[in-house]
Amino acid sequence: MNDATGIEHNVRTSIQLGALTLIVFFLVFVLDSRFRVLPDAIHNHLPLHHPGLVITDITLATCSSINPLSSCKLDAPRWHRIEKDLYLNKGWLNHAYIHIERKEEKELVETDRVILNVKVGRLDPTTSEKGQGAERWESRPGGIWLQHTARRHASDSAKAITAVDVLFGADAVEARPGWEILDQPILLSNPGDNQEARLTVRRGPPVTIERPTPRVRKDGRFKIMQVADLHLSTGLGACRDAEPPGHNGGKCDADVRTLEFLGSVLDSEKPDLVVLSGDQVNGETAPDAQSAVFKFAEMFIHRSIPFATIFGNHDDEGSLTRQALMELTQNLPFSLSLPGPASVEGVGNYYIEVLARGTSTHSALTLYLLDTHGYSPDERQFRGYDWIKKGQIEWFKATAQNLKNSPAHTAYKHYHMDMAFIHIPLPEYRQADDVVKGSGTFAEPPTAPGFNSRFKDALVEEGVLAVSCGHDHVNDYCALSKSQGADGKDGKPELWMCYAGGAGFGGYGGYGHVIEGGYHRRVRVFEFDMDEARIRTWKRLEYGDTEQKVDEMLIAEGGKVVAP
């Protein structure tokens, strides 16, 4: 081959490789715009706040999957895209994204105008709303109207809009202090059956959130409400196995009915703490998990009730990972949720100390919350669900022993009590002989892990009095594990293992099992009397005997597990 031929060959090869590379990039771009095939790390997620920044413009960019010349990403670095497709990635052809322009206040030039107000509607707010006076509004795509300052520094930063986000659904609520969700949804072309997309804005700097300190009440009591399996969606949600079938004329929006029930029992029981024990989010129907999280969080924030969360097998099947869900939840007001040590398997292995009454710094009650993960990592050998790992058990035992030896525990002069919460039941829940009559219903076989990592033994060794789970919605019983005597017979009571029962209408409530009178959604309550070192538990129903304490039982007395 002569030199000319070689050069010609190299040029042709380079052109072919270049063309192939362009085709690959184009295909990845199209696929990612529709299916989001690239990892989240590649996407430029919008930080919700940068200190000193103000918003100077907001706009909407739309694009089409069949038009390669259209783009849903405006010029950077001027525009920052909020990484939420307003069609929730369900539009086969259409996509739309909110973009914002933001600047540091000190860098504003004479032509910059800070946004003071945002509205959404078809008409200019000056003509369509009373009290707008002669204020000038500028229109943007999607029915967005902006009101800017007249001059660069005409408004202080406390009134200026400093952050923008998007939530979804006609029932969307804002749970973050200082934020305001707009009344009207963004106006999209061909919205179809997609959930309404709503702008939410924050004025001024972010509000500093202080972690609450749980404390025994003046009467010596502390009440925990366990809420299991809310199964909230993005939007109103569809009811499953609602009872009675003809309630409200047969009309049933899952999240509306679930949250009405939750609000009712919160107002009636007035718990000191709510533990959400997993599957708060129904991932399959939550393409924007943030909107689902805010719906339950707002219930507690509005009532100033501390709450703590762990995850189930469905929470992270939506738009957010476990890590992202925890980061979102732990930064909300009244949240006690924590991700736990990064070196321990899972997200959400942590404990909560409930302090003695008054101004004491001594711990009266310790609550352990652990991540039970999702599905089995070894389906061939252990079908079904995952299990609590060795590292988690070692962390739990070390933590429990360290706390027992800490001044906050040793200085407490009464009986200290411990309890644990998980999502997926332990294998020992399957032992039907341990189910206590009158404690609730054993309506479905417990879907516990196939592998037993012996976490129950660790709970007993560390003196935990009770553990409670969710997951199996129509089980709400309590089982009593007893030690084995020298003669091989049952010895002393050692651990209560309870179910809360499913609370949400977005999850199943029958599963093909026949329950007399139908299954009614419920929550479980644990009341601790620290003066007597006593624990009582009962359930509250969504329908039927809604004012009654159902299946009330004494499960601990004098700081020890007792049989009923």
Protein backbone atom coordinates (compact mmCIF):
# COMPACT_ATOMS: atom_id res chain seq x y z
CA MET A 1 0.00 0.00 0.00
CA ASN A 2 1.46 3.39 -1.05
CA ASP A 3 1.37 6.49 1.18
CA ALA A 4 -1.50 8.15 -0.71
CA THR A 5 -3.64 5.04 -0.42
CA GLY A 6 -2.86 4.79 3.31
CA ILE A 7 -3.77 8.40 3.93
CA GLU A 8 -7.01 7.99 1.98
CA HIS A 9 -7.83 4.87 4.01
CA ASN A 10 -7.16 6.64 7.31
CA VAL A 11 -9.31 9.61 6.33
CA ARG A 12 -12.18 7.35 5.28
CA THR A 13 -11.91 5.39 8.52
CA SER A 14 -11.89 8.59 10.59
CA ILE A 15 -15.00 9.86 8.78
CA GLN A 16 -16.78 6.56 9.37
CA LEU A 17 -15.85 6.52 13.05
CA GLY A 18 -16.93 10.13 13.41
CA ALA A 19 -20.27 9.42 11.76
CA LEU A 20 -20.78 6.33 13.94
CA THR A 21 -19.97 8.34 17.07
CA LEU A 22 -22.50 11.03 16.10
CA ILE A 23 -25.15 8.38 15.50
CA VAL A 24 -24.46 6.74 18.88
CA PHE A 25 -24.58 10.11 20.69
CA PHE A 26 -27.83 10.96 18.91
CA LEU A 27 -29.45 7.62 19.84
CA VAL A 28 -28.34 7.96 23.47
CA PHE A 29 -29.72 11.51 23.57
CA VAL A 30 -33.10 10.40 22.18
CA LEU A 31 -33.30 7.37 24.45
CA ASP A 32 -32.27 9.36 27.51
CA SER A 33 -34.85 12.06 26.80
CA ARG A 34 -37.52 9.37 26.73
CA PHE A 35 -36.32 6.65 29.10
CA ARG A 36 -33.53 8.35 31.11
CA VAL A 37 -31.02 5.61 30.38
CA LEU A 38 -28.00 7.52 31.67
CA PRO A 39 -27.15 7.29 35.39
CA ASP A 40 -28.38 10.07 37.68
CA ALA A 41 -24.83 11.28 38.25
CA ILE A 42 -24.67 12.46 34.63
CA HIS A 43 -27.82 14.54 34.94
CA ASN A 44 -27.39 18.04 36.28
CA HIS A 45 -29.87 18.00 39.17
CA LEU A 46 -30.84 21.43 40.39
CA PRO A 47 -29.64 22.21 43.89
CA LEU A 48 -32.60 23.63 45.79
CA HIS A 49 -30.57 26.46 47.26
CA HIS A 50 -27.31 28.29 46.79
CA PRO A 51 -26.62 30.94 49.45
CA GLY A 52 -26.86 34.44 48.09
CA LEU A 53 -28.60 33.48 44.86
CA VAL A 54 -31.82 35.03 43.60
CA ILE A 55 -33.99 34.03 40.65
CA THR A 56 -34.04 36.51 37.77
CA ASP A 57 -36.02 34.52 35.19
CA ILE A 58 -38.13 31.37 34.80
CA THR A 59 -39.15 29.75 31.53
CA LEU A 60 -40.41 26.50 30.04
CA ALA A 61 -38.64 24.53 27.32
CA THR A 62 -40.44 21.84 25.36
CA CYS A 63 -39.10 19.26 22.92
CA SER A 64 -40.22 16.30 20.88
CA SER A 65 -38.73 12.83 20.63
CA ILE A 66 -39.32 12.80 16.90
CA ASN A 67 -37.75 16.19 16.27
CA PRO A 68 -33.98 15.96 16.76
CA LEU A 69 -33.65 19.73 16.31
CA SER A 70 -35.82 20.50 19.34
CA SER A 71 -34.14 20.68 22.72
CA CYS A 72 -35.33 20.58 26.31
CA LYS A 73 -32.07 22.03 27.57
CA LEU A 74 -31.45 25.73 27.14
CA ASP A 75 -28.07 27.41 26.92
CA ALA A 76 -25.79 26.87 29.88
CA PRO A 77 -24.47 28.42 32.04
CA ARG A 78 -27.25 31.00 31.90
CA TRP A 79 -30.08 28.52 32.40
CA HIS A 80 -30.32 25.78 35.02
CA ARG A 81 -32.81 23.01 34.33
CA ILE A 82 -34.98 21.45 37.02
CA GLU A 83 -34.58 17.75 36.29
CA LYS A 84 -38.24 16.80 36.27
CA ASP A 85 -40.01 16.13 33.00
CA LEU A 86 -43.36 17.87 33.37
CA TYR A 87 -44.91 14.92 31.52
CA LEU A 88 -43.28 12.58 34.07
CA ASN A 89 -41.55 10.74 31.20
CA LYS A 90 -44.92 9.41 30.07
CA GLY A 91 -45.27 11.55 26.97
CA TRP A 92 -44.19 9.45 24.00
CA LEU A 93 -43.63 12.57 21.94
CA ASN A 94 -43.66 15.54 24.30
CA HIS A 95 -41.25 16.54 27.05
CA ALA A 96 -41.02 19.78 28.98
CA TYR A 97 -38.70 21.19 31.64
CA ILE A 98 -38.68 24.30 33.79
CA HIS A 99 -35.50 26.38 33.54
CA ILE A 100 -34.40 29.15 35.86
CA GLU A 101 -31.85 31.91 35.63
CA ARG A 102 -30.16 32.65 38.94
CA LYS A 103 -27.46 35.03 40.04
CA GLU A 104 -25.72 36.17 43.15
CA GLU A 105 -27.17 39.43 44.41
CA LYS A 106 -23.78 41.11 44.39
CA GLU A 107 -23.35 40.24 40.69
CA LEU A 108 -26.62 41.75 39.50
CA VAL A 109 -26.16 44.30 36.72
CA GLU A 110 -28.39 47.27 35.89
CA THR A 111 -30.49 45.24 33.43
CA ASP A 112 -31.18 42.37 35.87
CA ARG A 113 -34.52 42.24 37.63
CA VAL A 114 -35.24 39.97 40.58
CA ILE A 115 -38.50 37.97 40.57
CA LEU A 116 -40.88 38.95 43.36
CA ASN A 117 -43.91 36.89 42.40
CA VAL A 118 -44.99 34.04 40.13
CA LYS A 119 -48.45 33.02 39.01
CA VAL A 120 -49.86 30.53 36.51
CA GLY A 121 -52.94 31.17 34.39
CA ARG A 122 -54.19 31.93 30.92
CA LEU A 123 -54.78 35.63 31.54
CA ASP A 124 -52.56 38.47 32.68
CA PRO A 125 -53.00 38.71 36.50
CA THR A 126 -53.29 42.50 36.12
CA THR A 127 -56.62 42.08 34.34
CA SER A 128 -57.83 38.78 35.81
CA GLU A 129 -57.21 39.36 39.54
CA LYS A 130 -58.34 42.12 41.86
CA GLY A 131 -55.80 44.08 43.84
CA GLN A 132 -53.01 43.81 41.27
CA GLY A 133 -53.09 47.54 40.54
CA ALA A 134 -50.77 48.70 37.83
CA GLU A 135 -48.10 46.07 38.53
CA ARG A 136 -46.58 44.74 35.33
CA TRP A 137 -46.50 40.98 34.70
CA GLU A 138 -44.39 39.27 32.02
CA SER A 139 -45.61 36.11 30.32
CA ARG A 140 -43.67 32.92 29.81
CA PRO A 141 -44.63 29.60 28.14
CA GLY A 142 -46.94 27.29 30.08
CA GLY A 143 -49.11 30.12 31.37
CA ILE A 144 -46.34 31.31 33.70
CA TRP A 145 -46.44 34.99 34.68
CA LEU A 146 -43.54 36.75 36.39
CA GLN A 147 -43.45 39.96 38.38
CA HIS A 148 -40.00 41.54 38.57
CA THR A 149 -38.59 44.35 40.64
CA ALA A 150 -38.70 47.74 38.95
CA ARG A 151 -34.99 48.29 39.64
CA ARG A 152 -32.05 46.07 40.45
CA HIS A 153 -32.21 46.50 44.24
CA ALA A 154 -35.85 47.53 44.59
CA SER A 155 -36.60 44.63 46.92
CA ASP A 156 -34.76 43.03 49.79
CA SER A 157 -33.73 39.38 49.47
CA ALA A 158 -36.28 38.28 52.08
CA LYS A 159 -39.06 38.91 49.55
CA ALA A 160 -37.21 37.80 46.44
CA ILE A 161 -37.74 34.31 45.05
CA THR A 162 -34.59 32.32 45.73
CA ALA A 163 -35.53 28.76 44.77
CA VAL A 164 -37.96 27.00 42.42
CA ASP A 165 -39.14 23.39 42.28
CA VAL A 166 -41.90 21.30 40.66
CA LEU A 167 -44.42 19.02 42.40
CA PHE A 168 -47.12 16.89 40.80
CA GLY A 169 -50.78 16.04 41.35
CA ALA A 170 -54.01 17.83 42.13
CA ASP A 171 -53.37 16.98 45.81
CA ALA A 172 -49.75 18.17 45.87
CA VAL A 173 -48.71 19.97 49.06
CA GLU A 174 -45.56 21.75 50.17
CA ALA A 175 -43.88 20.45 53.34
CA ARG A 176 -40.83 22.73 53.43
CA PRO A 177 -41.01 25.92 55.51
CA GLY A 178 -40.79 29.10 53.47
CA TRP A 179 -42.07 27.39 50.32
CA GLU A 180 -45.38 28.07 48.58
CA ILE A 181 -47.03 25.87 45.96
CA LEU A 182 -48.95 27.74 43.25
CA ASP A 183 -52.70 27.23 42.96
CA GLN A 184 -52.83 26.54 39.24
CA PRO A 185 -50.97 23.80 37.34
CA ILE A 186 -48.58 24.62 34.53
CA LEU A 187 -50.43 24.76 31.20
CA LEU A 188 -49.06 22.03 28.95
CA SER A 189 -50.08 21.10 25.44
CA ASN A 190 -51.58 17.59 25.16
CA PRO A 191 -51.30 16.78 28.88
CA GLY A 192 -53.33 13.58 28.47
CA ASP A 193 -53.75 11.65 31.70
CA ASN A 194 -50.53 12.96 33.22
CA GLN A 195 -50.54 14.38 36.73
CA GLU A 196 -50.74 18.15 37.02
CA ALA A 197 -47.32 19.80 37.26
CA ARG A 198 -47.20 22.65 39.78
CA LEU A 199 -44.56 25.25 40.44
CA THR A 200 -43.49 25.78 44.03
CA VAL A 201 -41.27 28.68 45.09
CA ARG A 202 -39.32 29.83 48.11
CA ARG A 203 -38.83 33.44 49.12
CA GLY A 204 -35.78 34.53 51.04
CA PRO A 205 -33.09 32.32 52.60
CA PRO A 206 -33.79 28.73 53.68
CA VAL A 207 -35.31 28.27 57.12
CA THR A 208 -33.03 26.66 59.69
CA ILE A 209 -34.57 23.39 60.87
CA GLU A 210 -33.82 22.06 64.34
CA ARG A 211 -34.12 18.35 65.08
CA PRO A 212 -36.78 17.80 67.78
CA THR A 213 -35.95 16.08 71.08
CA PRO A 214 -38.51 13.40 72.05
CA ARG A 215 -39.30 13.51 75.74
CA VAL A 216 -41.57 11.69 78.18
CA ARG A 217 -44.61 13.80 79.03
CA LYS A 218 -45.26 15.32 82.45
CA ASP A 219 -47.65 12.46 83.25
CA GLY A 220 -44.83 9.96 82.74
CA ARG A 221 -46.18 8.60 79.47
CA PHE A 222 -45.00 8.49 75.88
CA LYS A 223 -47.20 7.41 72.97
CA ILE A 224 -45.97 6.08 69.62
CA MET A 225 -48.22 5.59 66.61
CA GLN A 226 -46.90 3.09 64.08
CA VAL A 227 -48.13 3.75 60.54
CA ALA A 228 -47.34 0.95 58.12
CA ASP A 229 -47.71 0.71 54.35
CA LEU A 230 -49.29 4.02 53.36
CA HIS A 231 -48.55 3.29 49.67
CA LEU A 232 -48.96 6.89 48.54
CA SER A 233 -48.79 7.84 44.87
CA THR A 234 -48.02 10.84 42.73
CA GLY A 235 -51.54 12.22 42.43
CA LEU A 236 -54.74 10.96 44.01
CA GLY A 237 -53.98 7.25 43.62
CA ALA A 238 -56.32 4.33 42.93
CA CYS A 239 -57.92 2.40 45.78
CA ARG A 240 -57.33 -1.32 46.16
CA ASP A 241 -59.70 -3.62 48.05
CA ALA A 242 -61.52 -0.69 49.66
CA GLU A 243 -64.04 -1.62 52.34
CA PRO A 244 -66.95 -1.33 52.37
CA PRO A 245 -67.18 -1.41 48.56
CA GLY A 246 -70.09 1.04 48.41
CA HIS A 247 -68.56 3.62 50.75
CA ASN A 248 -68.92 7.19 49.44
CA GLY A 249 -71.00 5.91 46.55
CA GLY A 250 -68.16 3.68 45.43
CA LYS A 251 -65.86 6.64 44.68
CA CYS A 252 -62.44 6.17 46.25
CA ASP A 253 -59.25 8.14 45.74
CA ALA A 254 -56.60 6.18 47.60
CA ASP A 255 -54.40 8.96 48.93
CA VAL A 256 -57.30 11.21 49.87
CA ARG A 257 -58.98 8.51 51.95
CA THR A 258 -55.66 7.34 53.43
CA LEU A 259 -54.65 10.82 54.57
CA GLU A 260 -58.11 11.62 55.91
CA PHE A 261 -57.86 8.50 58.06
CA LEU A 262 -54.35 9.39 59.17
CA GLY A 263 -55.37 12.93 60.08
CA SER A 264 -58.33 11.66 62.06
CA VAL A 265 -56.31 9.24 64.23
CA LEU A 266 -53.55 11.78 64.74
CA ASP A 267 -56.08 14.26 66.10
CA SER A 268 -57.72 11.60 68.25
CA GLU A 269 -54.65 9.83 69.68
CA LYS A 270 -52.27 12.84 69.75
CA PRO A 271 -49.11 10.70 69.66
CA ASP A 272 -45.76 12.00 70.84
CA LEU A 273 -44.01 10.29 67.92
CA VAL A 274 -45.06 8.63 64.67
CA VAL A 275 -42.98 5.77 63.26
CA LEU A 276 -43.55 5.11 59.56
CA SER A 277 -42.37 1.54 59.13
CA GLY A 278 -41.91 1.35 55.37
CA ASP A 279 -43.69 1.50 52.02
CA GLN A 280 -44.78 5.07 52.57
CA VAL A 281 -44.34 5.50 48.80
CA ASN A 282 -45.94 3.14 46.29
CA GLY A 283 -43.04 3.29 43.86
CA GLU A 284 -44.91 1.86 40.89
CA THR A 285 -47.41 4.73 40.96
CA ALA A 286 -45.02 7.44 42.17
CA PRO A 287 -43.08 8.82 39.18
CA ASP A 288 -42.38 11.82 41.43
CA ALA A 289 -41.71 10.31 44.84
CA GLN A 290 -41.02 13.75 46.34
CA SER A 291 -44.68 14.69 45.89
CA ALA A 292 -45.74 11.50 47.72
CA VAL A 293 -43.31 12.09 50.59
CA PHE A 294 -44.50 15.65 51.14
CA LYS A 295 -48.11 14.46 51.46
CA PHE A 296 -47.48 12.34 54.55
CA ALA A 297 -44.83 14.65 56.02
CA GLU A 298 -47.15 17.65 55.89
CA MET A 299 -49.62 15.80 58.13
CA PHE A 300 -47.07 15.68 60.98
CA ILE A 301 -45.44 19.04 60.35
CA HIS A 302 -48.82 20.79 60.43
CA ARG A 303 -49.51 19.19 63.84
CA SER A 304 -45.97 19.62 65.21
CA ILE A 305 -45.59 15.85 65.73
CA PRO A 306 -42.08 14.35 65.43
CA PHE A 307 -41.84 11.45 62.97
CA ALA A 308 -39.29 8.82 61.97
CA THR A 309 -39.14 6.70 58.82
CA ILE A 310 -37.64 3.47 57.59
CA PHE A 311 -38.08 2.02 54.12
CA GLY A 312 -39.90 -0.97 52.70
CA ASN A 313 -39.48 -2.85 49.45
CA HIS A 314 -41.59 -0.39 47.42
CA ASP A 315 -40.36 3.05 48.51
CA ASP A 316 -37.41 3.20 46.12
CA GLU A 317 -39.22 1.72 43.13
CA GLY A 318 -40.29 5.23 42.08
CA SER A 319 -38.16 8.19 41.06
CA LEU A 320 -35.85 8.35 44.11
CA THR A 321 -33.31 6.00 45.61
CA ARG A 322 -33.28 5.13 49.31
CA GLN A 323 -30.43 7.58 49.82
CA ALA A 324 -32.31 10.40 48.07
CA LEU A 325 -35.52 9.64 49.96
CA MET A 326 -33.69 9.73 53.27
CA GLU A 327 -31.92 12.98 52.43
CA LEU A 328 -35.26 14.51 51.48
CA THR A 329 -37.06 13.27 54.60
CA GLN A 330 -34.39 13.94 57.22
CA ASN A 331 -34.23 17.63 56.23
CA LEU A 332 -37.93 18.26 56.85
CA PRO A 333 -39.27 19.87 60.03
CA PHE A 334 -40.03 17.48 62.92
CA SER A 335 -38.21 14.63 61.19
CA LEU A 336 -36.06 12.32 63.30
CA SER A 337 -35.10 10.16 60.32
CA LEU A 338 -31.41 9.40 59.76
CA PRO A 339 -29.53 7.38 57.14
CA GLY A 340 -27.36 5.66 59.75
CA PRO A 341 -23.70 4.68 59.39
CA ALA A 342 -22.50 4.42 55.80
CA SER A 343 -20.47 1.34 56.75
CA VAL A 344 -23.61 -0.61 57.70
CA GLU A 345 -25.75 -2.31 55.07
CA GLY A 346 -28.89 -0.41 54.06
CA VAL A 347 -30.21 3.11 54.57
CA GLY A 348 -31.99 3.95 57.80
CA ASN A 349 -30.24 2.00 60.56
CA TYR A 350 -30.42 4.35 63.53
CA TYR A 351 -31.80 4.80 67.01
CA ILE A 352 -33.88 7.42 68.80
CA GLU A 353 -33.43 8.34 72.43
CA VAL A 354 -36.56 9.43 74.30
CA LEU A 355 -35.47 11.52 77.27
CA ALA A 356 -37.00 11.47 80.73
CA ARG A 357 -39.52 14.13 81.67
CA GLY A 358 -38.68 17.72 82.49
CA THR A 359 -35.22 18.93 81.57
CA SER A 360 -33.46 15.62 82.20
CA THR A 361 -30.72 14.53 79.83
CA HIS A 362 -31.20 10.87 80.79
CA SER A 363 -32.64 8.35 78.35
CA ALA A 364 -35.87 6.65 79.42
CA LEU A 365 -36.61 4.78 76.20
CA THR A 366 -34.51 3.74 73.19
CA LEU A 367 -36.05 2.95 69.81
CA TYR A 368 -34.06 1.01 67.21
CA LEU A 369 -35.00 1.32 63.55
CA LEU A 370 -33.43 -0.94 60.94
CA ASP A 371 -33.57 -1.30 57.16
CA THR A 372 -34.90 -4.71 56.07
CA HIS A 373 -34.01 -3.95 52.43
CA GLY A 374 -36.13 -5.29 49.58
CA TYR A 375 -35.96 -8.49 47.59
CA SER A 376 -33.77 -11.54 48.08
CA PRO A 377 -30.29 -11.23 46.57
CA ASP A 378 -30.28 -15.02 46.08
CA GLU A 379 -33.63 -16.06 44.61
CA ARG A 380 -32.41 -19.56 43.74
CA GLN A 381 -31.64 -20.46 47.33
CA PHE A 382 -33.77 -18.05 49.36
CA ARG A 383 -36.88 -16.93 47.52
CA GLY A 384 -38.82 -13.83 48.42
CA TYR A 385 -37.36 -11.07 50.51
CA ASP A 386 -34.03 -9.87 51.82
CA TRP A 387 -32.87 -10.19 55.43
CA ILE A 388 -31.16 -8.12 58.08
CA LYS A 389 -27.43 -8.46 57.47
CA LYS A 390 -24.63 -9.54 59.77
CA GLY A 391 -23.16 -6.04 59.76
CA GLN A 392 -26.49 -4.57 60.86
CA ILE A 393 -26.77 -7.04 63.71
CA GLU A 394 -23.23 -6.27 64.84
CA TRP A 395 -23.99 -2.53 64.67
CA PHE A 396 -27.19 -3.02 66.68
CA LYS A 397 -25.49 -5.07 69.41
CA ALA A 398 -22.53 -2.72 69.70
CA THR A 399 -24.81 0.32 69.79
CA ALA A 400 -27.11 -1.20 72.41
CA GLN A 401 -24.19 -2.15 74.65
CA ASN A 402 -22.54 1.25 74.31
CA LEU A 403 -25.77 3.02 75.14
CA LYS A 404 -26.37 0.85 78.21
CA ASN A 405 -22.97 1.85 79.53
CA SER A 406 -23.34 5.53 78.71
CA PRO A 407 -24.05 8.13 81.44
CA ALA A 408 -27.39 8.97 79.83
CA HIS A 409 -28.54 5.41 80.59
CA THR A 410 -26.72 4.53 83.80
CA ALA A 411 -27.89 7.73 85.51
CA TYR A 412 -31.56 6.96 84.79
CA LYS A 413 -33.01 5.66 88.06
CA HIS A 414 -36.12 3.97 86.70
CA TYR A 415 -36.57 0.99 84.38
CA HIS A 416 -35.15 1.83 80.96
CA MET A 417 -37.08 0.24 78.07
CA ASP A 418 -36.15 -0.62 74.47
CA MET A 419 -38.20 -1.33 71.35
CA ALA A 420 -37.46 -1.93 67.64
CA PHE A 421 -39.21 -1.24 64.33
CA ILE A 422 -38.65 -2.97 60.99
CA HIS A 423 -40.58 -3.35 57.74
CA ILE A 424 -40.33 -6.99 56.64
CA PRO A 425 -41.21 -9.47 59.41
CA LEU A 426 -38.63 -11.79 60.93
CA PRO A 427 -38.83 -15.53 60.12
CA GLU A 428 -40.02 -16.16 63.69
CA TYR A 429 -43.29 -14.40 62.84
CA ARG A 430 -44.23 -17.60 60.99
CA GLN A 431 -44.53 -19.61 64.21
CA ALA A 432 -48.30 -19.77 64.46
CA ASP A 433 -48.21 -21.31 67.94
CA ASP A 434 -46.76 -18.04 69.26
CA VAL A 435 -49.66 -15.93 67.97
CA VAL A 436 -51.62 -14.64 70.95
CA LYS A 437 -55.36 -15.11 70.77
CA GLY A 438 -57.22 -11.82 70.77
CA SER A 439 -54.19 -9.86 69.62
CA GLY A 440 -55.31 -9.52 66.01
CA THR A 441 -55.74 -11.44 62.77
CA PHE A 442 -53.36 -13.95 61.14
CA ALA A 443 -54.87 -13.54 57.67
CA GLU A 444 -51.95 -14.25 55.34
CA PRO A 445 -48.75 -16.30 55.59
CA PRO A 446 -45.95 -14.00 56.77
CA THR A 447 -43.68 -13.17 53.83
CA ALA A 448 -40.54 -13.20 55.93
CA PRO A 449 -37.08 -13.86 54.46
CA GLY A 450 -36.15 -17.40 53.51
CA PHE A 451 -32.83 -16.96 55.27
CA ASN A 452 -32.83 -16.46 59.04
CA SER A 453 -29.99 -14.17 60.13
CA ARG A 454 -31.07 -14.58 63.78
CA PHE A 455 -31.80 -10.93 64.46
CA LYS A 456 -34.54 -12.01 66.83
CA ASP A 457 -31.91 -13.62 69.06
CA ALA A 458 -29.93 -10.37 69.11
CA LEU A 459 -33.05 -8.44 70.15
CA VAL A 460 -33.60 -10.83 73.07
CA GLU A 461 -29.94 -10.73 74.11
CA GLU A 462 -30.00 -6.93 74.29
CA GLY A 463 -33.22 -6.81 76.30
CA VAL A 464 -35.52 -5.34 73.64
CA LEU A 465 -39.11 -5.85 74.80
CA ALA A 466 -40.97 -5.68 71.47
CA VAL A 467 -40.43 -5.42 67.74
CA SER A 468 -43.13 -4.33 65.30
CA CYS A 469 -43.29 -4.53 61.51
CA GLY A 470 -45.52 -3.92 58.50
CA HIS A 471 -45.28 -5.42 54.98
CA ASP A 472 -48.07 -8.02 55.26
CA HIS A 473 -51.02 -5.65 55.14
CA VAL A 474 -53.82 -7.83 56.46
CA ASN A 475 -51.89 -9.28 59.39
CA ASP A 476 -52.24 -7.27 62.58
CA TYR A 477 -51.53 -9.82 65.30
CA CYS A 478 -48.89 -9.98 68.01
CA ALA A 479 -46.86 -13.12 68.69
CA LEU A 480 -45.10 -13.86 71.99
CA SER A 481 -41.74 -15.59 71.83
CA LYS A 482 -40.74 -17.53 74.94
CA SER A 483 -37.41 -18.86 76.06
CA GLN A 484 -36.86 -22.60 76.05
CA GLY A 485 -36.84 -24.20 79.47
CA ALA A 486 -34.42 -26.89 80.65
CA ASP A 487 -37.07 -29.52 79.99
CA GLY A 488 -37.50 -28.34 76.40
CA LYS A 489 -40.82 -26.67 77.13
CA ASP A 490 -41.65 -22.98 76.88
CA GLY A 491 -40.04 -20.85 79.53
CA LYS A 492 -40.40 -17.15 80.28
CA PRO A 493 -41.76 -14.59 77.79
CA GLU A 494 -38.82 -12.93 76.03
CA LEU A 495 -40.04 -10.82 73.07
CA TRP A 496 -43.26 -9.49 71.58
CA MET A 497 -43.42 -9.50 67.76
CA CYS A 498 -46.30 -7.39 66.41
CA TYR A 499 -47.75 -6.30 63.08
CA ALA A 500 -49.23 -2.84 62.63
CA GLY A 501 -51.62 -3.73 59.78
CA GLY A 502 -51.77 -1.78 56.54
CA ALA A 503 -52.92 1.84 56.70
CA GLY A 504 -53.03 2.88 53.03
CA PHE A 505 -55.65 2.33 50.36
CA GLY A 506 -52.99 2.33 47.65
CA GLY A 507 -51.81 -1.10 48.82
CA TYR A 508 -53.69 -4.37 48.83
CA GLY A 509 -56.25 -5.01 51.54
CA GLY A 510 -57.43 -8.52 50.79
CA TYR A 511 -54.88 -10.45 48.75
CA GLY A 512 -57.46 -13.12 48.05
CA HIS A 513 -57.89 -13.94 51.74
CA VAL A 514 -61.39 -14.03 53.14
CA ILE A 515 -61.70 -11.78 56.18
CA GLU A 516 -65.07 -11.64 57.86
CA GLY A 517 -66.49 -8.17 57.40
CA GLY A 518 -63.62 -7.20 55.09
CA TYR A 519 -60.26 -5.71 56.03
CA HIS A 520 -60.34 -2.14 57.30
CA ARG A 521 -57.18 -0.03 57.25
CA ARG A 522 -55.58 0.56 60.63
CA VAL A 523 -52.65 1.86 62.66
CA ARG A 524 -51.07 0.51 65.84
CA VAL A 525 -50.40 2.49 69.01
CA PHE A 526 -47.84 1.75 71.73
CA GLU A 527 -48.20 3.66 74.99
CA PHE A 528 -45.29 3.62 77.43
CA ASP A 529 -45.93 4.35 81.11
CA MET A 530 -42.44 5.13 82.35
CA ASP A 531 -43.51 5.29 86.03
CA GLU A 532 -44.63 1.66 85.93
CA ALA A 533 -42.26 0.57 83.11
CA ARG A 534 -45.40 -0.65 81.35
CA ILE A 535 -46.33 -0.93 77.67
CA ARG A 536 -49.85 -1.20 76.33
CA THR A 537 -50.75 -1.54 72.66
CA TRP A 538 -53.93 -1.27 70.59
CA LYS A 539 -55.11 -0.47 67.06
CA ARG A 540 -57.36 2.18 65.55
CA LEU A 541 -59.53 1.49 62.52
CA GLU A 542 -60.46 3.59 59.50
CA TYR A 543 -64.02 2.20 59.33
CA GLY A 544 -66.35 0.56 61.82
CA ASP A 545 -65.36 0.92 65.48
CA THR A 546 -63.31 4.00 64.76
CA GLU A 547 -63.48 5.34 68.34
CA GLN A 548 -62.47 2.08 70.01
CA LYS A 549 -59.07 0.79 71.10
CA VAL A 550 -59.09 -2.49 69.20
CA ASP A 551 -57.38 -5.58 70.70
CA GLU A 552 -55.85 -3.61 73.57
CA MET A 553 -53.16 -5.58 75.42
CA LEU A 554 -50.58 -5.21 78.15
CA ILE A 555 -47.23 -6.44 76.80
CA ALA A 556 -44.71 -5.23 79.39
CA GLU A 557 -44.81 -4.60 83.13
CA GLY A 558 -42.00 -3.59 85.44
CA GLY A 559 -39.68 -3.31 82.48
CA LYS A 560 -40.16 -6.97 81.53
CA VAL A 561 -42.06 -8.82 78.81
CA VAL A 562 -45.31 -10.25 80.19
CA ALA A 563 -47.87 -12.68 78.80
CA PRO A 564 -51.45 -11.38 78.44
